[in-house]
Amino acid sequence: MPTPVSADQLIARAKALAKSQSRDALELTLQARQRAAEQNLPDQEAAALCLQARILLLLSRNNEALAALVQVHALASGHDIGPRQGEAMQLQGRALFSSSLYQQAAVCWQNCLTLPASAIDSKPLTRAQMGLGSIHFIRDQFDQALEHHRQAESLALNSDDPLLYSEAQLHLATIFVKQGQHTTALALLKEALPQIRAAKNYTQEAVVYGLIGEIHIHHGELEKAQTSLMLALKINRLIANLPGEVINLILLGQCELRNQEIEGALDLLHSAHALALESGSTHLLAQAEQGLAEACRAAGQAQEAEHHADEYRRLRTQILDQFTAE
């Protein structure tokens, strides 16, 4: 009689399939959770639920991911599940951020920083620092964002995951671009890119080309900017990275505006706006509204421009009002 497959083995299989065959991977996480529950192994049950949540987040099924993570917290209330507690908390922050519940995400990530070492591993702790940096970034608090991303870089440097370190570098580069420190940003991007290419991490590679394109825009090098941004856009569409695609389209719209190609800019920005709505990101939608306001003004469409400017202000207020109780 064959030996039953253990929960750990099922989880390992699910991890291997997570990105390429997500439906099969989800089924394996359910089997792993059931097997762990039958054997009274709460830590493995929590591990299966965390992996299930990660896969659901890849599929933008945020509410289902949150439901799985609530079950991890329920396990933690009655059992010692070790570092899965911190992993679940970090993932919960990510799901809330993707759902535009920014203040609630910040609370989750801040709570990660207060957990004892026994309840959180270095990787989710690093990602919590990145998350807090992203919260400050969308509030235009770039110095505070930089502080958290430097903490993440330091933690990632001591980890055994080179892609985690390159991810921290990209976050830092994003802040430097916003602050106009383009030489510093480019140095980080050039340092990170070989590792990213070697690992074939297409998400990070698209970020690199997108940031390089943004730097070219600032320098008025519009042809170079469009080349980099089109490459980033191609990659993001290939991997179905909707937020990345929105950012690329907005920047390409800026290129068209600077080239006095108003109709082209409007087309790109309307596409970005539609995708931002689909993504559910208030932050990205606000950026698209701001771009459309500028393009409509350039097209002489005063009423439409004012409408988009009003929407931009409303969305920014909606974001910032989440933090008024701080």
Protein backbone atom coordinates (compact mmCIF):
# COMPACT_ATOMS: atom_id res chain seq x y z
CA MET A 1 0.00 0.00 0.00
CA PRO A 2 1.56 3.37 -1.03
CA THR A 3 2.54 5.82 1.70
CA PRO A 4 0.13 8.82 1.79
CA VAL A 5 1.59 12.05 0.49
CA SER A 6 2.41 14.37 3.40
CA ALA A 7 1.18 17.94 3.75
CA ASP A 8 4.75 19.17 3.28
CA GLN A 9 5.05 17.27 -0.01
CA LEU A 10 1.74 18.67 -1.24
CA ILE A 11 2.84 22.19 -0.33
CA ALA A 12 6.13 21.71 -2.19
CA ARG A 13 4.24 20.57 -5.30
CA ALA A 14 1.88 23.55 -5.04
CA LYS A 15 4.80 25.97 -4.80
CA ALA A 16 6.32 24.52 -7.97
CA LEU A 17 3.04 25.03 -9.85
CA ALA A 18 1.98 28.34 -8.29
CA LYS A 19 2.82 30.64 -11.21
CA SER A 20 2.33 28.36 -14.18
CA GLN A 21 -0.64 26.20 -13.15
CA SER A 22 -2.37 28.19 -10.44
CA ARG A 23 -5.64 26.23 -10.49
CA ASP A 24 -3.83 22.94 -9.87
CA ALA A 25 -1.68 24.61 -7.23
CA LEU A 26 -4.75 25.85 -5.38
CA GLU A 27 -6.21 22.35 -5.35
CA LEU A 28 -2.98 21.01 -3.86
CA THR A 29 -3.06 23.65 -1.09
CA LEU A 30 -6.57 22.52 -0.17
CA GLN A 31 -5.39 18.91 -0.03
CA ALA A 32 -2.37 19.92 2.06
CA ARG A 33 -4.52 21.82 4.52
CA GLN A 34 -6.90 18.85 4.89
CA ARG A 35 -4.00 16.44 5.39
CA ALA A 36 -2.43 18.71 8.02
CA ALA A 37 -5.73 19.11 9.86
CA GLU A 38 -6.26 15.33 9.90
CA GLN A 39 -2.80 14.87 11.44
CA ASN A 40 -3.25 17.76 13.90
CA LEU A 41 -0.35 19.77 12.45
CA PRO A 42 -1.48 23.42 12.80
CA ASP A 43 1.82 24.86 11.57
CA GLN A 44 1.55 22.92 8.29
CA GLU A 45 -2.14 23.82 8.00
CA ALA A 46 -1.16 27.49 8.36
CA ALA A 47 1.59 27.03 5.76
CA ALA A 48 -0.94 25.63 3.28
CA LEU A 49 -3.33 28.52 3.93
CA CYS A 50 -0.55 31.10 3.46
CA LEU A 51 0.45 29.53 0.15
CA GLN A 52 -3.20 29.46 -0.89
CA ALA A 53 -3.44 33.18 -0.11
CA ARG A 54 -0.27 33.96 -2.09
CA ILE A 55 -1.65 32.17 -5.15
CA LEU A 56 -5.00 33.95 -4.82
CA LEU A 57 -3.18 37.28 -4.65
CA LEU A 58 -1.34 36.44 -7.87
CA LEU A 59 -4.78 35.97 -9.43
CA SER A 60 -6.05 39.29 -7.94
CA ARG A 61 -8.63 37.38 -5.86
CA ASN A 62 -7.99 39.58 -2.85
CA ASN A 63 -11.15 38.84 -0.87
CA GLU A 64 -10.58 35.10 -1.09
CA ALA A 65 -6.97 35.60 0.00
CA LEU A 66 -8.13 37.62 3.01
CA ALA A 67 -10.60 34.87 3.93
CA ALA A 68 -7.79 32.29 3.90
CA LEU A 69 -5.61 34.52 6.07
CA VAL A 70 -8.38 35.00 8.62
CA GLN A 71 -8.25 31.22 9.07
CA VAL A 72 -4.50 31.44 9.74
CA HIS A 73 -5.13 34.03 12.46
CA ALA A 74 -7.77 31.71 13.93
CA LEU A 75 -5.19 28.91 14.08
CA ALA A 76 -2.68 31.26 15.70
CA SER A 77 -5.14 32.10 18.47
CA GLY A 78 -5.13 28.50 19.70
CA HIS A 79 -1.82 27.07 18.51
CA ASP A 80 1.83 27.94 18.09
CA ILE A 81 2.21 28.25 14.31
CA GLY A 82 5.63 29.89 14.51
CA PRO A 83 6.68 32.19 11.67
CA ARG A 84 3.45 31.54 9.74
CA GLN A 85 1.86 34.16 11.98
CA GLY A 86 4.09 36.89 10.55
CA GLU A 87 3.78 35.55 7.01
CA ALA A 88 -0.02 35.72 7.22
CA MET A 89 0.07 39.24 8.64
CA GLN A 90 2.37 40.44 5.85
CA LEU A 91 0.17 38.83 3.19
CA GLN A 92 -2.92 40.37 4.75
CA GLY A 93 -1.29 43.79 4.38
CA ARG A 94 -0.56 43.05 0.75
CA ALA A 95 -4.17 42.02 0.07
CA LEU A 96 -5.51 45.14 1.79
CA PHE A 97 -3.09 47.37 -0.14
CA SER A 98 -4.21 45.80 -3.43
CA SER A 99 -7.81 46.54 -2.37
CA SER A 100 -6.88 50.22 -1.75
CA LEU A 101 -7.39 49.84 2.02
CA TYR A 102 -4.09 51.56 2.61
CA GLN A 103 -4.39 52.48 6.28
CA GLN A 104 -5.46 48.95 7.23
CA ALA A 105 -2.52 47.58 5.23
CA ALA A 106 -0.18 49.91 7.11
CA VAL A 107 -1.48 48.60 10.45
CA CYS A 108 -0.80 45.00 9.37
CA TRP A 109 2.72 45.78 8.25
CA GLN A 110 3.46 47.85 11.34
CA ASN A 111 2.28 44.93 13.49
CA CYS A 112 4.74 42.69 11.64
CA LEU A 113 7.58 44.83 12.97
CA THR A 114 6.46 44.25 16.57
CA LEU A 115 6.29 40.45 16.38
CA PRO A 116 8.93 38.39 18.19
CA ALA A 117 11.55 36.70 16.01
CA SER A 118 9.89 33.32 16.65
CA ALA A 119 6.70 34.53 14.92
CA ILE A 120 8.13 36.00 11.71
CA ASP A 121 10.91 35.10 9.29
CA SER A 122 13.22 37.63 7.69
CA LYS A 123 11.52 37.54 4.27
CA PRO A 124 8.02 38.64 5.39
CA LEU A 125 9.67 41.13 7.74
CA THR A 126 11.54 42.60 4.77
CA ARG A 127 8.36 42.74 2.72
CA ALA A 128 6.55 44.47 5.58
CA GLN A 129 9.21 47.20 5.50
CA MET A 130 8.73 47.47 1.73
CA GLY A 131 4.99 47.68 2.26
CA LEU A 132 5.31 50.52 4.75
CA GLY A 133 7.61 52.28 2.29
CA SER A 134 4.93 51.91 -0.38
CA ILE A 135 2.33 53.41 1.97
CA HIS A 136 4.49 56.51 2.44
CA PHE A 137 5.20 56.60 -1.30
CA ILE A 138 1.55 56.88 -2.30
CA ARG A 139 1.21 59.70 0.25
CA ASP A 140 4.16 61.53 -1.38
CA GLN A 141 6.15 61.13 1.84
CA PHE A 142 9.34 60.18 0.05
CA ASP A 143 11.81 60.62 2.91
CA GLN A 144 9.81 58.28 5.16
CA ALA A 145 9.41 55.84 2.27
CA LEU A 146 13.16 55.89 1.73
CA GLU A 147 13.77 55.08 5.39
CA HIS A 148 11.62 51.94 5.24
CA HIS A 149 13.10 50.80 1.94
CA ARG A 150 16.62 51.20 3.34
CA GLN A 151 15.59 49.01 6.26
CA ALA A 152 14.26 46.48 3.74
CA GLU A 153 17.50 46.62 1.77
CA SER A 154 19.50 45.93 4.92
CA LEU A 155 17.32 42.97 5.86
CA ALA A 156 17.37 41.61 2.30
CA LEU A 157 21.15 41.88 2.12
CA ASN A 158 21.39 39.45 5.02
CA SER A 159 18.93 36.99 3.49
CA ASP A 160 19.73 34.14 1.12
CA ASP A 161 17.36 35.53 -1.54
CA PRO A 162 19.12 37.73 -4.12
CA LEU A 163 15.82 38.62 -5.78
CA LEU A 164 14.52 39.99 -2.49
CA TYR A 165 17.56 42.27 -2.41
CA SER A 166 17.02 43.41 -6.00
CA GLU A 167 13.36 44.10 -5.17
CA ALA A 168 14.50 46.38 -2.34
CA GLN A 169 16.89 48.09 -4.74
CA LEU A 170 14.05 48.77 -7.18
CA HIS A 171 11.95 50.33 -4.44
CA LEU A 172 14.87 52.60 -3.57
CA ALA A 173 15.40 53.49 -7.23
CA THR A 174 11.73 54.43 -7.55
CA ILE A 175 12.08 56.91 -4.68
CA PHE A 176 15.30 58.35 -6.12
CA VAL A 177 13.58 58.92 -9.48
CA LYS A 178 10.79 60.84 -7.73
CA GLN A 179 13.37 62.90 -5.85
CA GLY A 180 15.27 63.71 -9.06
CA GLN A 181 18.35 61.68 -8.02
CA HIS A 182 18.62 60.05 -11.42
CA THR A 183 22.32 59.13 -11.30
CA THR A 184 21.82 57.30 -8.01
CA ALA A 185 18.73 55.56 -9.35
CA LEU A 186 20.49 54.43 -12.54
CA ALA A 187 23.40 53.02 -10.57
CA LEU A 188 21.00 50.88 -8.54
CA LEU A 189 19.15 49.73 -11.65
CA LYS A 190 22.37 48.75 -13.42
CA GLU A 191 23.51 46.84 -10.35
CA ALA A 192 20.21 44.98 -10.01
CA LEU A 193 19.52 44.14 -13.66
CA PRO A 194 22.09 41.30 -14.20
CA GLN A 195 20.75 39.36 -11.21
CA ILE A 196 17.17 39.97 -12.32
CA ARG A 197 17.88 38.77 -15.85
CA ALA A 198 19.78 35.73 -14.62
CA ALA A 199 16.79 34.74 -12.47
CA LYS A 200 14.34 35.52 -15.31
CA ASN A 201 12.21 37.61 -12.99
CA TYR A 202 10.13 39.39 -15.59
CA THR A 203 8.16 41.47 -13.09
CA GLN A 204 11.31 43.10 -11.76
CA GLU A 205 12.80 43.42 -15.25
CA ALA A 206 9.75 45.40 -16.38
CA VAL A 207 10.16 47.72 -13.38
CA VAL A 208 13.78 48.39 -14.39
CA TYR A 209 12.88 49.34 -17.96
CA GLY A 210 9.93 51.41 -16.77
CA LEU A 211 12.11 53.42 -14.38
CA ILE A 212 14.77 53.92 -17.05
CA GLY A 213 12.04 55.21 -19.34
CA GLU A 214 10.84 57.62 -16.66
CA ILE A 215 14.38 58.94 -16.21
CA HIS A 216 14.67 59.52 -19.97
CA ILE A 217 11.42 61.53 -19.87
CA HIS A 218 12.86 63.79 -17.17
CA HIS A 219 15.91 64.36 -19.38
CA GLY A 220 13.80 65.09 -22.46
CA GLU A 221 15.08 61.96 -24.23
CA LEU A 222 11.66 60.97 -25.49
CA GLU A 223 12.68 58.44 -28.13
CA LYS A 224 14.81 56.54 -25.62
CA ALA A 225 11.99 56.79 -23.08
CA GLN A 226 9.48 55.29 -25.49
CA THR A 227 11.83 52.42 -26.36
CA SER A 228 12.31 51.52 -22.68
CA LEU A 229 8.66 51.96 -21.80
CA MET A 230 7.44 49.87 -24.74
CA LEU A 231 9.77 47.07 -23.64
CA ALA A 232 8.40 47.31 -20.09
CA LEU A 233 4.85 47.34 -21.44
CA LYS A 234 5.48 44.26 -23.57
CA ILE A 235 6.81 42.35 -20.56
CA ASN A 236 3.96 43.44 -18.28
CA ARG A 237 1.38 42.36 -20.83
CA LEU A 238 3.15 39.03 -21.27
CA ILE A 239 2.98 38.29 -17.54
CA ALA A 240 -0.46 39.94 -17.08
CA ASN A 241 0.88 42.50 -14.61
CA LEU A 242 -1.98 45.00 -14.65
CA PRO A 243 -0.53 47.66 -12.28
CA GLY A 244 2.73 47.71 -14.22
CA GLU A 245 0.86 48.08 -17.49
CA VAL A 246 -1.08 51.08 -16.11
CA ILE A 247 2.12 52.84 -15.05
CA ASN A 248 3.76 52.20 -18.44
CA LEU A 249 0.74 53.56 -20.35
CA ILE A 250 0.62 56.72 -18.23
CA LEU A 251 4.31 57.39 -18.88
CA LEU A 252 3.93 56.68 -22.59
CA GLY A 253 1.06 59.17 -22.56
CA GLN A 254 3.45 61.73 -21.09
CA CYS A 255 5.87 61.06 -23.95
CA GLU A 256 3.12 61.67 -26.51
CA LEU A 257 2.10 64.90 -24.79
CA ARG A 258 5.67 66.19 -24.88
CA ASN A 259 5.83 65.28 -28.55
CA GLN A 260 2.60 67.26 -29.10
CA GLU A 261 0.85 64.04 -30.15
CA ILE A 262 -2.31 64.89 -28.23
CA GLU A 263 -4.64 62.27 -29.71
CA GLY A 264 -2.09 59.53 -29.10
CA ALA A 265 -1.69 60.70 -25.51
CA LEU A 266 -5.44 60.67 -24.95
CA ASP A 267 -5.72 57.14 -26.34
CA LEU A 268 -2.96 55.85 -24.07
CA LEU A 269 -4.32 57.59 -20.99
CA HIS A 270 -7.87 56.40 -21.57
CA SER A 271 -6.49 52.86 -21.81
CA ALA A 272 -4.56 53.40 -18.57
CA HIS A 273 -7.72 54.74 -16.91
CA ALA A 274 -9.77 51.68 -17.92
CA LEU A 275 -7.11 49.28 -16.66
CA ALA A 276 -6.70 51.25 -13.41
CA LEU A 277 -10.43 50.87 -12.81
CA GLU A 278 -10.10 47.14 -13.47
CA SER A 279 -7.18 46.85 -11.07
CA GLY A 280 -9.14 48.37 -8.19
CA SER A 281 -6.18 50.59 -7.23
CA THR A 282 -7.24 54.05 -6.06
CA HIS A 283 -3.63 55.24 -6.32
CA LEU A 284 -3.24 54.18 -9.95
CA LEU A 285 -6.67 55.55 -10.86
CA ALA A 286 -5.69 58.92 -9.40
CA GLN A 287 -2.54 58.95 -11.53
CA ALA A 288 -4.57 58.16 -14.64
CA GLU A 289 -7.03 60.96 -13.83
CA GLN A 290 -4.16 63.42 -13.40
CA GLY A 291 -2.70 62.41 -16.77
CA LEU A 292 -6.07 62.75 -18.49
CA ALA A 293 -6.59 66.20 -17.01
CA GLU A 294 -3.27 67.33 -18.49
CA ALA A 295 -4.00 65.74 -21.88
CA CYS A 296 -7.51 67.21 -22.08
CA ARG A 297 -6.14 70.67 -21.29
CA ALA A 298 -3.61 70.25 -24.11
CA ALA A 299 -6.45 69.21 -26.43
CA GLY A 300 -8.48 72.30 -25.53
CA GLN A 301 -11.14 70.20 -23.81
CA ALA A 302 -11.58 72.47 -20.79
CA GLN A 303 -14.69 70.82 -19.35
CA GLU A 304 -13.26 67.32 -19.58
CA ALA A 305 -9.96 68.54 -18.13
CA GLU A 306 -11.73 70.02 -15.11
CA HIS A 307 -13.72 66.81 -14.61
CA HIS A 308 -10.57 64.69 -14.53
CA ALA A 309 -8.80 67.21 -12.28
CA ASP A 310 -11.75 67.05 -9.86
CA GLU A 311 -11.63 63.25 -9.92
CA TYR A 312 -7.90 63.32 -9.24
CA ARG A 313 -8.41 65.60 -6.21
CA ARG A 314 -11.29 63.46 -4.95
CA LEU A 315 -9.24 60.26 -5.17
CA ARG A 316 -6.22 61.82 -3.51
CA THR A 317 -8.44 63.05 -0.68
CA GLN A 318 -9.95 59.57 -0.42
CA ILE A 319 -6.47 58.11 0.02
CA LEU A 320 -5.20 60.68 2.48
CA ASP A 321 -8.39 60.68 4.56
CA GLN A 322 -7.68 57.07 5.50
CA PHE A 323 -4.82 58.36 7.63
CA THR A 324 -6.47 61.37 9.30
CA ALA A 325 -6.88 59.50 12.58
CA GLU A 326 -3.11 59.03 12.98
